[in-house]
Protein backbone atom coordinates (compact mmCIF):
# COMPACT_ATOMS: atom_id res chain seq x y z
CA PHE A 1 86.54 85.83 122.47
CA ARG A 2 89.93 84.17 122.32
CA LYS A 3 90.61 81.03 120.37
CA ASP A 4 93.58 78.88 119.40
CA ALA A 5 93.17 79.18 115.64
CA GLY A 6 93.43 82.61 114.12
CA HIS A 7 96.32 84.84 113.16
CA GLY A 8 99.21 83.49 111.18
CA SER A 9 100.07 79.80 111.17
CA LYS A 10 100.17 79.48 114.97
CA GLY A 11 96.76 80.80 115.95
CA GLY A 12 95.91 84.10 117.56
CA TYR A 13 93.33 86.49 118.94
CA ASP A 14 89.90 86.91 117.39
CA GLU A 15 86.98 89.10 118.42
CA ILE A 16 84.49 86.83 116.68
CA SER A 17 81.33 88.92 116.92
CA GLY A 18 82.83 92.15 118.21
CA THR A 19 84.82 92.83 115.06
CA VAL A 20 81.72 92.51 112.90
CA LEU A 21 79.65 94.87 115.01
CA MET A 22 82.46 97.40 115.35
CA ALA A 23 83.23 97.32 111.61
CA LEU A 24 79.55 97.86 110.88
CA ARG A 25 79.51 100.80 113.28
CA VAL A 26 82.60 102.33 111.64
CA ILE A 27 81.04 102.14 108.18
CA THR A 28 77.63 103.49 109.17
CA GLN A 29 79.15 106.57 110.84
CA LYS A 30 79.47 108.04 107.36
CA PRO A 31 77.67 107.76 104.01
CA CYS A 32 78.94 105.22 101.51
CA THR A 33 80.54 107.91 99.33
CA PHE A 34 82.81 108.92 102.23
CA PHE A 35 84.60 105.58 101.84
CA THR A 36 84.30 105.00 98.09
CA GLU A 37 85.28 108.44 96.79
CA ARG A 38 88.61 108.48 98.62
CA ASP A 39 91.47 105.99 98.31
CA TRP A 40 91.61 104.99 101.99
CA LEU A 41 93.59 101.84 101.30
CA ALA A 42 96.36 103.77 99.54
CA GLU A 43 96.52 106.18 102.47
CA ALA A 44 96.74 103.20 104.82
CA LYS A 45 100.13 102.37 103.31
CA VAL A 46 101.55 105.69 104.49
CA ASP A 47 103.65 105.14 107.63
CA TYR A 48 103.21 108.62 109.02
CA ILE A 49 100.02 110.47 109.94
CA GLU A 50 100.29 114.18 110.58
CA VAL A 51 99.90 114.88 114.27
CA GLU A 52 96.67 116.64 115.15
CA VAL A 53 96.55 118.89 118.19
CA ASN A 54 92.86 118.08 118.51
CA ASP A 55 91.39 115.33 116.37
CA ASP A 56 87.97 117.01 116.68
CA ASP A 57 89.32 119.68 114.32
CA ASP A 58 89.50 117.11 111.52
CA ASP A 59 86.54 114.74 111.34
CA SER A 60 88.46 112.35 109.11
CA TYR A 61 91.44 112.05 111.48
CA LYS A 62 90.02 109.09 113.40
CA PHE A 63 89.39 107.28 110.12
CA LYS A 64 92.94 108.00 108.91
CA ALA A 65 94.25 106.61 112.18
CA LEU A 66 92.02 103.53 111.93
CA PHE A 67 93.09 102.70 108.37
CA ASN A 68 96.72 103.23 109.32
CA MET A 69 96.66 100.68 112.15
CA VAL A 70 98.65 97.48 111.93
CA THR A 71 96.79 94.52 110.36
CA HIS A 72 99.53 91.85 109.98
CA HIS A 73 97.85 90.95 106.70
CA GLN A 74 100.94 89.35 105.19
CA VAL A 75 101.34 86.76 107.95
CA ARG A 76 97.73 85.71 108.41
CA SER A 77 96.74 82.10 107.80
CA GLU A 78 94.48 81.04 104.92
CA ALA A 79 91.79 80.12 107.48
CA ASP A 80 91.96 83.60 108.98
CA LEU A 81 91.77 85.29 105.58
CA LEU A 82 88.77 83.11 104.68
CA SER A 83 87.06 83.97 107.97
CA THR A 84 87.62 87.70 107.41
CA SER A 85 86.30 87.39 103.84
CA MET A 86 83.13 85.72 105.09
CA LYS A 87 82.64 88.45 107.69
CA THR A 88 83.09 91.05 104.95
CA ILE A 89 80.36 89.45 102.83
CA PHE A 90 78.07 89.24 105.86
CA ILE A 91 78.54 92.94 106.62
CA LEU A 92 77.86 93.84 102.98
CA GLN A 93 74.62 91.87 103.12
CA LEU A 94 73.62 93.78 106.26
CA LEU A 95 74.39 97.09 104.55
CA TYR A 96 72.24 96.07 101.56
CA ALA A 97 69.35 95.17 103.89
CA MET A 98 69.73 98.54 105.62
CA ASN A 99 69.57 100.34 102.25
CA TYR A 100 72.97 101.84 103.09
CA THR A 101 74.20 100.99 99.59
CA LYS A 102 72.98 99.13 96.52
CA PRO A 103 74.24 95.62 95.67
CA GLU A 104 76.82 95.42 92.93
CA ALA A 105 79.47 93.00 91.75
CA ARG A 106 82.90 93.68 93.31
CA HIS A 107 81.47 96.37 95.54
CA PRO A 108 84.19 98.97 96.36
CA LEU A 109 83.24 98.74 100.03
CA GLY A 110 84.40 95.11 100.14
CA PRO A 111 88.17 95.71 100.41
CA ILE A 112 87.55 98.60 102.81
CA ILE A 113 85.45 96.47 105.18
CA PHE A 114 88.04 93.68 104.95
CA HIS A 115 90.82 96.08 105.94
CA ILE A 116 88.77 97.54 108.81
CA LEU A 117 88.09 94.04 110.17
CA GLU A 118 91.81 93.24 110.11
CA ALA A 119 92.71 96.53 111.79
CA ILE A 120 90.10 96.14 114.53
CA GLN A 121 91.22 92.61 115.34
CA TYR A 122 94.59 93.77 116.66
CA ASN A 123 93.60 97.16 118.05
CA VAL A 124 90.50 96.62 120.16
CA HIS A 125 90.31 97.76 123.79
CA PRO A 126 88.00 96.39 126.47
CA ILE A 127 85.36 98.56 128.11
CA ASP A 128 85.39 97.71 131.82
CA GLU A 129 83.44 98.74 134.86
CA VAL A 130 84.08 98.11 138.55
CA LYS A 131 82.11 95.10 139.83
CA GLU A 132 82.20 95.96 143.53
CA VAL A 133 83.59 98.48 146.01
CA VAL A 134 87.32 98.95 145.45
CA ASP A 135 89.35 97.33 148.23
CA PRO A 136 92.93 98.66 148.57
CA ASN A 137 94.05 95.21 149.78
CA LYS A 138 92.85 93.44 146.62
CA ASN A 139 93.18 93.77 142.87
CA VAL A 140 90.45 95.93 141.34
CA ASP A 141 87.63 93.58 140.32
CA LEU A 142 86.62 94.62 136.79
CA LEU A 143 83.82 93.39 134.56
CA GLU A 144 84.32 93.62 130.79
CA ILE A 145 81.03 94.92 129.42
CA GLY A 146 82.09 95.56 125.84
CA SER A 147 84.92 96.50 123.52
CA ALA A 148 85.79 99.41 121.29
CA VAL A 149 88.49 100.83 119.04
CA PHE A 150 90.03 104.15 120.04
CA PRO A 151 92.12 105.14 116.99
CA THR A 152 94.06 107.93 118.68
CA LEU A 153 94.95 105.74 121.65
CA ALA A 154 95.83 102.65 119.62
CA SER A 155 97.93 104.55 117.09
CA CYS A 156 99.91 106.55 119.65
CA LEU A 157 100.90 103.97 122.26
CA ASN A 158 102.93 100.78 121.96
CA HIS A 159 102.87 97.93 124.44
CA SER A 160 105.21 97.58 127.39
CA CYS A 161 105.21 94.89 130.07
CA ASP A 162 106.10 97.76 132.45
CA PRO A 163 103.94 100.54 130.98
CA THR A 164 104.22 104.21 131.83
CA THR A 165 100.43 104.60 131.95
CA ILE A 166 97.32 103.16 133.58
CA ARG A 167 94.20 102.84 131.42
CA VAL A 168 90.85 103.61 133.09
CA CYS A 169 87.37 103.51 131.54
CA LEU A 170 85.11 106.52 132.00
CA GLY A 171 81.80 105.13 130.73
CA ASN A 172 82.41 104.46 127.05
CA GLN A 173 85.61 106.51 126.97
CA ILE A 174 89.16 105.68 128.03
CA ALA A 175 91.54 107.90 129.98
CA LEU A 176 95.25 107.39 130.50
CA PHE A 177 97.06 108.33 133.69
CA SER A 178 100.81 108.20 134.25
CA ARG A 179 101.99 105.46 136.61
CA ARG A 180 105.11 107.44 137.49
CA ARG A 181 106.90 110.62 136.47
CA ILE A 182 107.48 110.53 132.73
CA GLU A 183 110.54 112.47 131.68
CA ILE A 184 110.79 114.36 128.39
CA GLY A 185 111.65 111.94 125.61
CA VAL A 186 110.38 108.85 127.44
CA GLU A 187 107.87 106.85 125.40
CA LEU A 188 104.25 106.67 126.52
CA THR A 189 103.30 103.01 126.69
CA ASP A 190 100.26 100.88 127.40
CA CYS A 191 99.98 97.29 128.63
CA TYR A 192 98.08 94.90 126.35
CA GLY A 193 97.29 92.61 129.28
CA PHE A 194 100.62 90.93 130.00
CA HIS A 195 102.42 92.62 132.88
CA TYR A 196 105.88 91.56 133.99
CA THR A 197 104.74 91.08 137.62
CA SER A 198 102.30 88.30 136.72
CA LEU A 199 104.06 86.33 133.98
CA VAL A 200 107.68 85.34 133.42
CA LYS A 201 109.36 86.73 130.31
CA ASN A 202 109.13 83.61 128.13
CA GLU A 203 105.43 83.13 128.81
CA ARG A 204 104.67 86.83 128.24
CA GLN A 205 106.50 86.92 124.96
CA LYS A 206 104.87 83.69 123.80
CA ARG A 207 101.39 85.10 124.43
CA ILE A 208 102.15 88.51 122.94
CA LYS A 209 103.50 86.87 119.79
CA LYS A 210 100.50 84.56 119.55
CA TRP A 211 97.77 87.14 120.14
CA PHE A 212 99.34 90.36 118.83
CA ASN A 213 101.97 89.04 116.43
CA PHE A 214 105.05 90.97 117.54
CA GLN A 215 108.17 90.35 119.58
CA CYS A 216 108.19 92.49 122.72
CA ASN A 217 111.47 94.33 123.36
CA CYS A 218 110.37 96.57 126.22
CA SER A 219 112.71 97.29 129.12
CA ALA A 220 111.04 94.66 131.29
CA CYS A 221 111.79 92.03 128.63
CA GLU A 222 115.23 93.32 127.75
CA ASP A 223 116.29 93.34 131.42
CA ASN A 224 114.23 90.27 132.33
CA PHE A 225 112.33 91.85 135.23
CA PRO A 226 111.30 89.27 137.85
CA VAL A 227 107.67 88.48 138.69
CA MET A 228 106.12 90.06 141.78
CA ALA A 229 107.08 87.23 144.16
CA ASN A 230 110.75 87.68 143.27
CA LEU A 231 110.89 91.49 143.30
CA THR A 232 113.22 93.14 145.79
CA ASN A 233 111.85 95.22 148.63
CA LYS A 234 115.20 96.35 150.00
CA LEU A 235 115.23 99.93 151.30
CA SER A 236 116.54 101.69 154.37
CA GLN A 237 114.39 101.33 157.47
CA LYS A 238 113.66 105.06 157.48
CA SER A 239 112.50 104.95 153.85
CA LEU A 240 110.35 101.88 154.46
CA GLU A 241 108.66 103.53 157.42
CA SER A 242 107.88 106.75 155.54
CA LEU A 243 106.44 104.79 152.60
CA LYS A 244 104.43 102.52 154.91
CA ASP A 245 102.97 105.57 156.62
CA LEU A 246 101.78 106.98 153.29
CA LEU A 247 100.25 103.65 152.24
CA GLU A 248 98.37 103.37 155.51
CA LYS A 249 97.01 106.90 155.05
CA PHE A 250 95.98 106.02 151.50
CA GLN A 251 94.16 102.87 152.66
CA TRP A 252 92.29 104.79 155.34
CA ALA A 253 91.25 107.51 152.89
CA LEU A 254 90.02 105.02 150.28
CA LYS A 255 88.11 102.86 152.76
CA ASN A 256 86.42 105.95 154.19
CA LYS A 257 85.44 107.26 150.74
CA HIS A 258 87.80 110.23 150.78
CA LEU A 259 88.61 109.46 147.16
CA LYS A 260 90.31 112.70 146.14
CA LYS A 261 92.45 112.54 149.28
CA SER A 262 93.41 108.93 148.50
CA LEU A 263 94.56 110.01 145.03
CA ASP A 264 96.58 112.91 146.45
CA ILE A 265 98.32 110.52 148.85
CA CYS A 266 99.10 108.13 145.96
CA ILE A 267 100.78 110.97 144.11
CA GLN A 268 102.75 111.88 147.24
CA TYR A 269 103.84 108.24 147.54
CA LEU A 270 105.05 108.10 143.92
CA GLN A 271 106.85 111.42 144.32
CA LYS A 272 108.50 110.02 147.45
CA LEU A 273 109.79 107.03 145.48
CA THR A 274 111.31 109.40 142.95
CA SER A 275 112.95 111.58 145.61
CA LEU A 276 114.35 108.47 147.33
CA GLN A 277 115.68 107.31 143.93
CA VAL A 278 114.13 103.88 144.40
CA PRO A 279 115.23 101.80 141.39
CA ARG A 280 112.81 99.87 139.20
CA PRO A 281 111.75 97.15 139.30
CA HIS A 282 110.90 97.24 142.99
CA LYS A 283 107.94 96.16 145.13
CA ALA A 284 107.52 99.72 146.36
CA TRP A 285 106.85 100.92 142.81
CA GLU A 286 104.28 98.21 142.23
CA ALA A 287 102.61 99.02 145.54
CA GLY A 288 102.31 102.61 144.34
CA SER A 289 100.90 101.55 140.99
CA HIS A 290 98.35 99.34 142.70
CA ALA A 291 97.29 102.16 145.02
CA LEU A 292 97.01 104.55 142.08
CA SER A 293 94.89 102.06 140.12
CA CYS A 294 92.58 101.60 143.12
CA SER A 295 92.11 105.35 143.53
CA LEU A 296 91.51 106.02 139.85
CA TRP A 297 88.98 103.22 139.42
CA ALA A 298 87.20 104.24 142.64
CA ILE A 299 86.93 107.83 141.37
CA TYR A 300 86.22 107.32 137.68
CA GLY A 301 84.98 103.75 137.38
CA ASP A 302 81.91 104.14 139.60
CA THR A 303 78.99 104.11 137.19
CA ASP A 304 76.31 104.60 139.88
């Protein structure tokens, strides 16, 4: 849920019930001693987490990543801190009732739960599923069925209003796909919900600051990319015709359920944009991103 009062002095973003349930799930993944016999809060102050090739090799890696996530504790309002404290007490009471741990004054789990609640609040991702058959001529109609924290994802990717990736839900997991060719050294980025094509810079930055508490300095903001209606579509006639041909083939493939073929054509289209050296921002790039999103959700988002 989103509300006007929350983070800092100017309000913010609050997963009212979701944070409680997710924090409870985090804690109950391990016995109480896992959290109390290790100084997780001290480790949370470390700015660097050793990169793991496979986080399955280290069962504690996801917890290290979770504790290391940004909390914006220092700029939270008194009302927000009070709310988080009350949630912490509520979770402790649930843990007592579950016989997870015994009641005690100043329980060592208290500060840990408080920190987890703060971390979750700014690092939660929606779990979506496709509501109806994907139509290449419309935006993908998604239904948010839940939310989750993916520590590896949240700790590795920053926001961009023109992200390099598309996020797709595969059941209760999330997969990232590149929206375009990503050169060596280029940052992998995610979009927290505010894309440059749908909101002007000032409005995007206002919402990002309010709900995520940071000033966005991505390329779309730095160069003040225009919204979709104002994007250029200038290309040579020959280039336009070749791109239009690929889009028409993509639409046919998707409508006729040739999903793998539709994805292959999307990739061809994006490769064509690169070979033509089409600059960004450009409507052709956004058409390619839309087609890619349609294909990916049609392939991976079908839960039937």
